[in-house]
């Protein structure tokens, strides 16, 4: 059975307790913390399958906590924000979060988003574990090499560390080099958002990916989306 342990960091007692009960009813195991420092200690004590972090928590804010987690782990992270302020969203995603949810949120939507992120993470890890031939399934785009079996990326011979979400985004581009992929298609294929979602998630992850594989490697086609240069 896949690990369903959630680290939930939220300083509002009512939201924390209600959300924990909801997640536990849906089959998750939850470790809850009231501030960022407690959350970091809990993360080290038992590595969760996913971290759910409120942006505005005391001690160590959610964005800083996300950076600390990302420095040592690829565990997926979802940020929670009481404001729909684009700055909050962008800061969380640039810190390495895989997704975000704006409060107040519907519990069913939150559970669906958690499950979607976990599915992506498990698939990425499963593909990585299955890859046993370092020369099989290698795609090359200029100085960029993508090992689709071993789930590894190199640029000019040097390894490029990608999060599972960044890796899935790059693989989606690599399946259709030169083809413009809309933000809606990327949300559906990479984030499992068949019902749609906030395209800022796509834009920030594309920017993060560009910073790792080269700014010119992914081209913006205004009004349509993005494409990988062959």
Protein backbone atom coordinates (compact mmCIF):
# COMPACT_ATOMS: atom_id res chain seq x y z
CA UNK A 1 0.00 0.00 0.00
CA UNK A 2 1.25 3.46 -0.86
CA UNK A 3 2.32 5.65 2.02
CA UNK A 4 -0.44 8.10 2.93
CA UNK A 5 1.27 9.91 5.79
CA UNK A 6 0.58 13.67 5.66
CA UNK A 7 2.54 16.31 7.54
CA UNK A 8 0.07 19.15 8.15
CA UNK A 9 1.39 22.49 9.43
CA UNK A 10 -1.35 24.98 10.37
CA UNK A 11 -1.50 27.46 13.27
CA UNK A 12 -5.29 27.88 13.33
CA UNK A 13 -6.53 25.29 15.86
CA UNK A 14 -10.00 24.96 14.32
CA UNK A 15 -8.73 24.51 10.76
CA UNK A 16 -5.94 22.17 11.86
CA UNK A 17 -8.21 19.87 13.89
CA UNK A 18 -11.07 19.84 11.39
CA UNK A 19 -8.77 19.18 8.44
CA UNK A 20 -6.92 16.46 10.30
CA UNK A 21 -10.22 14.68 11.05
CA UNK A 22 -11.27 14.99 7.41
CA UNK A 23 -7.99 13.56 6.12
CA UNK A 24 -8.04 10.71 8.62
CA UNK A 25 -11.61 9.81 7.60
CA UNK A 26 -10.32 9.58 4.03
CA UNK A 27 -7.64 7.10 5.02
CA UNK A 28 -4.64 9.36 5.59
CA UNK A 29 -2.33 9.24 8.57
CA UNK A 30 -1.75 12.80 9.77
CA UNK A 31 1.01 14.39 11.83
CA UNK A 32 -0.13 17.91 12.72
CA UNK A 33 2.04 20.84 13.85
CA UNK A 34 1.06 24.34 14.95
CA UNK A 35 4.15 26.18 13.70
CA UNK A 36 6.99 25.84 11.25
CA UNK A 37 9.65 24.72 13.72
CA UNK A 38 7.40 21.95 15.04
CA UNK A 39 6.71 21.02 11.44
CA UNK A 40 10.40 20.75 10.62
CA UNK A 41 11.00 18.56 13.68
CA UNK A 42 8.05 16.34 12.69
CA UNK A 43 9.39 16.07 9.15
CA UNK A 44 12.75 14.84 10.42
CA UNK A 45 11.18 12.48 12.94
CA UNK A 46 9.11 10.66 10.35
CA UNK A 47 9.48 11.46 6.68
CA UNK A 48 5.91 11.92 5.41
CA UNK A 49 4.56 10.99 2.00
CA UNK A 50 3.45 14.60 1.49
CA UNK A 51 3.65 17.92 3.31
CA UNK A 52 0.69 20.30 3.58
CA UNK A 53 1.99 23.70 4.70
CA UNK A 54 0.14 26.89 5.55
CA UNK A 55 2.02 29.95 4.30
CA UNK A 56 1.47 32.12 7.38
CA UNK A 57 2.59 30.06 10.36
CA UNK A 58 4.75 31.35 13.24
CA UNK A 59 8.31 30.39 14.06
CA UNK A 60 9.26 29.37 10.54
CA UNK A 61 6.82 30.43 7.83
CA UNK A 62 5.49 27.93 5.34
CA UNK A 63 7.59 29.16 2.43
CA UNK A 64 10.80 28.93 4.45
CA UNK A 65 9.79 25.50 5.71
CA UNK A 66 9.16 24.39 2.14
CA UNK A 67 12.67 25.52 1.18
CA UNK A 68 14.16 23.60 4.12
CA UNK A 69 12.27 20.46 3.12
CA UNK A 70 13.22 20.84 -0.53
CA UNK A 71 16.92 21.22 0.38
CA UNK A 72 16.94 17.64 1.61
CA UNK A 73 13.97 15.85 0.07
CA UNK A 74 11.82 15.55 -3.04
CA UNK A 75 8.72 14.76 -0.98
CA UNK A 76 5.76 16.56 -2.59
CA UNK A 77 4.56 19.79 -0.97
CA UNK A 78 1.22 21.58 -1.17
CA UNK A 79 1.00 25.13 0.14
CA UNK A 80 -2.12 26.59 1.79
CA UNK A 81 -2.75 30.32 1.65
CA UNK A 82 -5.56 32.39 3.16
CA UNK A 83 -5.06 34.91 0.41
CA UNK A 84 -5.25 34.54 -3.34
CA UNK A 85 -2.43 37.08 -3.62
CA UNK A 86 -0.24 36.07 -6.59
CA UNK A 87 2.85 36.87 -4.51
CA UNK A 88 1.92 34.20 -1.95
CA UNK A 89 1.29 31.69 -4.71
CA UNK A 90 4.49 32.44 -6.61
CA UNK A 91 6.68 32.45 -3.50
CA UNK A 92 5.39 29.04 -2.47
CA UNK A 93 5.86 27.52 -5.90
CA UNK A 94 9.30 29.08 -6.36
CA UNK A 95 10.30 27.60 -3.00
CA UNK A 96 9.69 24.18 -4.54
CA UNK A 97 6.04 23.47 -3.76
CA UNK A 98 4.24 21.21 -6.23
CA UNK A 99 0.83 22.79 -5.84
CA UNK A 100 -1.18 25.20 -3.70
CA UNK A 101 -4.71 25.52 -2.36
CA UNK A 102 -6.38 28.80 -1.36
CA UNK A 103 -8.32 28.98 1.92
CA UNK A 104 -11.16 28.61 2.63
CA UNK A 105 -11.10 25.32 0.76
CA UNK A 106 -13.59 22.55 0.18
CA UNK A 107 -12.37 19.42 1.96
CA UNK A 108 -13.21 17.21 -1.02
CA UNK A 109 -11.13 19.43 -3.29
CA UNK A 110 -8.20 19.35 -0.85
CA UNK A 111 -8.32 15.55 -0.67
CA UNK A 112 -8.48 15.33 -4.47
CA UNK A 113 -5.47 17.60 -4.83
CA UNK A 114 -3.48 15.58 -2.28
CA UNK A 115 -4.31 12.33 -4.04
CA UNK A 116 -3.40 13.81 -7.44
CA UNK A 117 0.02 14.98 -6.19
CA UNK A 118 0.68 11.61 -4.54
CA UNK A 119 -0.27 9.76 -7.74
CA UNK A 120 2.21 11.82 -9.73
CA UNK A 121 4.93 11.27 -7.17
CA UNK A 122 4.36 7.51 -6.99
CA UNK A 123 4.37 7.20 -10.79
CA UNK A 124 7.60 9.16 -11.05
CA UNK A 125 9.26 7.07 -8.37
CA UNK A 126 7.97 3.85 -9.91
CA UNK A 127 9.42 4.78 -13.29
CA UNK A 128 12.72 5.67 -11.66
CA UNK A 129 12.90 2.36 -9.82
CA UNK A 130 12.05 0.44 -13.00
CA UNK A 131 14.86 1.96 -15.03
CA UNK A 132 17.80 -0.44 -15.03
CA UNK A 133 19.53 0.35 -18.34
CA UNK A 134 21.35 3.69 -18.17
CA UNK A 135 21.51 3.91 -21.99
CA UNK A 136 17.88 3.01 -22.72
CA UNK A 137 15.31 5.62 -23.65
CA UNK A 138 17.70 8.58 -23.78
CA UNK A 139 16.38 11.71 -25.49
CA UNK A 140 18.74 14.49 -26.56
CA UNK A 141 17.95 18.13 -27.20
CA UNK A 142 21.17 20.02 -27.77
CA UNK A 143 23.26 19.68 -24.62
CA UNK A 144 20.25 18.31 -22.72
CA UNK A 145 19.93 14.55 -22.16
CA UNK A 146 16.80 12.97 -20.69
CA UNK A 147 17.01 9.37 -19.53
CA UNK A 148 13.34 8.38 -19.62
CA UNK A 149 14.08 4.98 -18.08
CA UNK A 150 16.35 6.04 -15.24
CA UNK A 151 14.41 9.34 -14.81
CA UNK A 152 17.61 11.38 -14.86
CA UNK A 153 18.53 14.57 -16.68
CA UNK A 154 21.95 15.89 -17.66
CA UNK A 155 22.94 19.19 -19.16
CA UNK A 156 26.35 19.39 -20.81
CA UNK A 157 27.15 16.13 -19.02
CA UNK A 158 26.28 17.47 -15.57
CA UNK A 159 23.32 16.05 -13.60
CA UNK A 160 20.30 18.32 -13.26
CA UNK A 161 18.29 17.76 -10.05
CA UNK A 162 14.56 17.96 -10.78
CA UNK A 163 11.58 17.50 -8.50
CA UNK A 164 9.09 14.80 -9.59
CA UNK A 165 6.72 17.50 -10.87
CA UNK A 166 9.49 19.20 -12.86
CA UNK A 167 10.49 15.83 -14.28
CA UNK A 168 6.94 15.05 -15.38
CA UNK A 169 6.66 18.50 -16.95
CA UNK A 170 9.89 17.99 -18.90
CA UNK A 171 8.80 14.52 -20.02
CA UNK A 172 5.51 15.96 -21.28
CA UNK A 173 7.43 18.52 -23.35
CA UNK A 174 9.87 15.90 -24.60
CA UNK A 175 7.09 13.69 -25.98
CA UNK A 176 6.20 16.43 -28.47
CA UNK A 177 9.26 18.63 -29.12
CA UNK A 178 8.42 21.67 -31.21
CA UNK A 179 4.70 21.27 -30.51
CA UNK A 180 2.94 24.02 -28.57
CA UNK A 181 1.38 22.65 -25.39
CA UNK A 182 -1.36 24.73 -23.82
CA UNK A 183 -1.44 25.44 -20.10
CA UNK A 184 -4.72 23.52 -19.84
CA UNK A 185 -3.17 20.44 -21.42
CA UNK A 186 -0.20 20.64 -19.06
CA UNK A 187 -2.52 21.00 -16.07
CA UNK A 188 -4.39 17.90 -17.17
CA UNK A 189 -1.37 15.76 -18.05
CA UNK A 190 1.13 16.85 -15.39
CA UNK A 191 -1.09 17.94 -12.49
CA UNK A 192 -4.04 15.58 -13.14
CA UNK A 193 -6.43 18.54 -13.24
CA UNK A 194 -9.08 17.18 -15.59
CA UNK A 195 -11.43 19.85 -14.23
CA UNK A 196 -9.02 22.72 -14.81
CA UNK A 197 -6.90 24.73 -12.38
CA UNK A 198 -4.85 27.86 -11.86
CA UNK A 199 -2.40 28.26 -14.73
CA UNK A 200 0.04 30.11 -12.46
CA UNK A 201 1.12 26.66 -11.28
CA UNK A 202 2.24 25.89 -14.83
CA UNK A 203 3.93 29.24 -15.40
CA UNK A 204 6.02 29.11 -12.21
CA UNK A 205 7.09 25.51 -12.79
CA UNK A 206 8.10 26.33 -16.36
CA UNK A 207 10.24 29.18 -15.02
CA UNK A 208 11.86 26.86 -12.46
CA UNK A 209 12.50 24.27 -15.16
CA UNK A 210 14.02 26.88 -17.47
CA UNK A 211 16.41 27.90 -14.70
CA UNK A 212 17.70 24.33 -14.58
CA UNK A 213 17.78 23.25 -18.23
CA UNK A 214 18.39 26.62 -19.92
CA UNK A 215 16.18 29.66 -20.39
CA UNK A 216 15.94 29.26 -24.17
CA UNK A 217 15.14 25.56 -24.12
CA UNK A 218 11.42 26.14 -23.49
CA UNK A 219 9.83 28.80 -25.68
CA UNK A 220 6.75 30.83 -24.77
CA UNK A 221 4.19 31.07 -27.57
CA UNK A 222 2.05 33.99 -26.49
CA UNK A 223 -1.63 33.25 -26.24
CA UNK A 224 -1.14 29.51 -26.73
CA UNK A 225 1.35 27.97 -24.30
CA UNK A 226 4.88 26.60 -24.38
CA UNK A 227 7.01 24.34 -26.55
CA UNK A 228 10.33 22.55 -26.15
CA UNK A 229 12.91 23.46 -28.75
CA UNK A 230 14.27 20.43 -30.53
